[in-house]
Amino acid sequence: MASYISEIYGVAIGGCSYEGENMVMLLQLARYLVKSVELVKTGKSKKLGPMVSYLAEPDTKIDLTSGPEAYVKVFQHEARRQAWKATDKFHKLIESGQSRDLAWNNCAVELTRASRLHTRLYIMETFIRRVSSISVPSIQKV
């Protein structure tokens, strides 16, 4: 609670629902994540936006004692894993003969989970970037 991350998360998620129903917003983000994973699968990783470039990174061993950036890597790993899992399920359902719309609806749980993890990753990266920008070392350590 002292980090205020839960409050930041609540405000960020709530802000999404001001523009539309929360599930719709999550599925819009999921559509972007699926398209981004498809770019990686087709060898077009250079076309990825900076917020999703982590989707093309290989899994590596993470040393949690190396600092806050290690925790970003953990969040990236989980968000990447879920985005790929959701995309794979979506494509398998299409390959099994389902229409794109039906396949999309049938993997909505995985898709929204991928969106939520991506959102948490964004909040984590933003938080660490902001804390790192604090110029007073004694405050930064808090």
Protein backbone atom coordinates (compact mmCIF):
# COMPACT_ATOMS: atom_id res chain seq x y z
CA MET A 1 0.00 0.00 0.00
CA ALA A 2 2.88 2.35 0.69
CA SER A 3 3.97 2.19 -2.96
CA TYR A 4 0.54 3.44 -4.04
CA ILE A 5 0.57 0.98 -6.97
CA SER A 6 -2.89 -0.34 -6.10
CA GLU A 7 -4.28 3.20 -6.31
CA ILE A 8 -2.53 3.87 -9.62
CA TYR A 9 -3.88 0.58 -10.99
CA GLY A 10 -7.41 1.40 -9.86
CA VAL A 11 -7.32 4.83 -11.46
CA ALA A 12 -5.84 3.46 -14.72
CA ILE A 13 -8.43 0.68 -15.01
CA GLY A 14 -11.27 3.00 -14.03
CA GLY A 15 -10.14 5.50 -16.63
CA CYS A 16 -10.60 2.89 -19.32
CA SER A 17 -14.22 2.34 -18.37
CA TYR A 18 -15.04 6.05 -18.68
CA GLU A 19 -14.70 5.66 -22.44
CA GLY A 20 -16.66 2.43 -22.67
CA GLU A 21 -17.50 -0.77 -20.90
CA ASN A 22 -14.37 -2.27 -19.36
CA MET A 23 -14.59 -5.62 -21.21
CA VAL A 24 -14.84 -3.85 -24.56
CA MET A 25 -11.71 -1.85 -23.77
CA LEU A 26 -9.84 -5.00 -22.71
CA LEU A 27 -10.82 -6.76 -25.94
CA GLN A 28 -9.68 -3.77 -28.01
CA LEU A 29 -6.29 -3.97 -26.34
CA ALA A 30 -6.31 -7.75 -26.89
CA ARG A 31 -6.87 -7.19 -30.62
CA TYR A 32 -3.73 -5.03 -30.68
CA LEU A 33 -1.78 -7.65 -28.71
CA VAL A 34 -2.89 -10.43 -31.10
CA LYS A 35 -1.87 -8.37 -34.13
CA SER A 36 1.47 -7.67 -32.45
CA VAL A 37 2.11 -11.37 -31.75
CA GLU A 38 1.19 -12.12 -35.37
CA LEU A 39 3.84 -9.62 -36.50
CA VAL A 40 6.42 -11.44 -34.37
CA LYS A 41 5.34 -14.82 -35.77
CA THR A 42 5.73 -13.58 -39.35
CA GLY A 43 9.18 -12.13 -38.71
CA LYS A 44 8.07 -8.49 -38.72
CA SER A 45 9.14 -7.64 -35.17
CA LYS A 46 10.61 -4.33 -36.33
CA LYS A 47 7.08 -3.07 -36.96
CA LEU A 48 6.13 -3.48 -33.29
CA GLY A 49 5.34 -0.38 -31.29
CA PRO A 50 7.59 0.40 -28.31
CA MET A 51 4.92 -0.64 -25.78
CA VAL A 52 4.74 -4.18 -27.18
CA SER A 53 8.34 -4.76 -28.25
CA TYR A 54 8.72 -7.12 -25.27
CA LEU A 55 6.52 -9.63 -27.16
CA ALA A 56 9.46 -10.39 -29.47
CA GLU A 57 12.05 -10.84 -26.73
CA PRO A 58 13.22 -14.37 -25.90
CA ASP A 59 12.77 -15.72 -22.40
CA THR A 60 15.87 -15.29 -20.28
CA LYS A 61 16.86 -16.12 -16.75
CA ILE A 62 15.97 -13.29 -14.38
CA ASP A 63 18.02 -12.36 -11.33
CA LEU A 64 15.57 -10.66 -8.95
CA THR A 65 18.42 -9.26 -6.88
CA SER A 66 19.62 -7.06 -9.76
CA GLY A 67 17.14 -4.26 -9.09
CA PRO A 68 13.71 -3.00 -10.14
CA GLU A 69 14.28 -3.71 -13.84
CA ALA A 70 14.31 -7.42 -12.99
CA TYR A 71 10.71 -7.11 -11.83
CA VAL A 72 9.81 -5.47 -15.13
CA LYS A 73 11.30 -8.53 -16.85
CA VAL A 74 9.07 -10.78 -14.71
CA PHE A 75 5.99 -8.78 -15.71
CA GLN A 76 7.11 -8.84 -19.35
CA HIS A 77 7.53 -12.61 -19.20
CA GLU A 78 4.02 -13.15 -17.84
CA ALA A 79 2.39 -10.67 -20.23
CA ARG A 80 4.27 -12.17 -23.20
CA ARG A 81 3.36 -15.73 -22.20
CA GLN A 82 -0.33 -14.88 -21.91
CA ALA A 83 -0.45 -12.86 -25.16
CA TRP A 84 1.11 -15.75 -27.06
CA LYS A 85 -1.17 -18.28 -25.35
CA ALA A 86 -4.29 -16.28 -26.26
CA THR A 87 -3.12 -15.76 -29.85
CA ASP A 88 -2.32 -19.46 -30.26
CA LYS A 89 -5.74 -20.46 -28.95
CA PHE A 90 -7.44 -17.95 -31.24
CA HIS A 91 -5.63 -19.35 -34.30
CA LYS A 92 -6.31 -22.98 -33.32
CA LEU A 93 -10.02 -22.24 -33.04
CA ILE A 94 -10.00 -20.66 -36.51
CA GLU A 95 -8.08 -23.64 -37.89
CA SER A 96 -10.70 -25.96 -36.39
CA GLY A 97 -13.32 -24.28 -38.57
CA GLN A 98 -14.74 -21.59 -36.33
CA SER A 99 -15.36 -18.14 -37.77
CA ARG A 100 -13.05 -15.35 -36.58
CA ASP A 101 -15.86 -13.82 -34.52
CA LEU A 102 -16.82 -17.09 -32.85
CA ALA A 103 -13.16 -17.97 -32.20
CA TRP A 104 -12.65 -14.50 -30.70
CA ASN A 105 -15.61 -14.95 -28.36
CA ASN A 106 -14.48 -18.45 -27.38
CA CYS A 107 -11.09 -17.24 -26.20
CA ALA A 108 -12.25 -13.98 -24.61
CA VAL A 109 -11.09 -15.11 -21.15
CA GLU A 110 -7.51 -15.63 -22.35
CA LEU A 111 -7.62 -12.41 -24.36
CA THR A 112 -8.80 -10.25 -21.47
CA ARG A 113 -6.23 -11.88 -19.20
CA ALA A 114 -3.52 -10.91 -21.69
CA SER A 115 -4.84 -7.33 -21.69
CA ARG A 116 -4.88 -7.12 -17.91
CA LEU A 117 -1.31 -8.41 -17.68
CA HIS A 118 -0.17 -5.93 -20.33
CA THR A 119 -1.86 -3.13 -18.36
CA ARG A 120 -0.11 -4.21 -15.16
CA LEU A 121 3.20 -4.28 -17.03
CA TYR A 122 2.59 -0.73 -18.24
CA ILE A 123 1.85 0.44 -14.71
CA MET A 124 4.97 -1.29 -13.38
CA GLU A 125 7.19 0.24 -16.08
CA THR A 126 5.71 3.69 -15.53
CA PHE A 127 6.13 3.44 -11.76
CA ILE A 128 9.77 2.33 -11.99
CA ARG A 129 10.56 4.99 -14.61
CA ARG A 130 9.04 7.67 -12.37
CA VAL A 131 10.85 6.49 -9.23
CA SER A 132 14.12 6.28 -11.18
CA SER A 133 13.70 9.89 -12.29
CA ILE A 134 13.69 11.16 -8.71
CA SER A 135 16.93 13.11 -8.27
CA VAL A 136 17.16 12.93 -4.48
CA PRO A 137 18.73 9.53 -3.61
CA SER A 138 17.34 9.42 -0.07
CA ILE A 139 13.78 9.78 -1.41
CA GLN A 140 14.36 7.35 -4.25
CA LYS A 141 15.28 4.57 -1.79
CA VAL A 142 11.90 4.88 -0.05
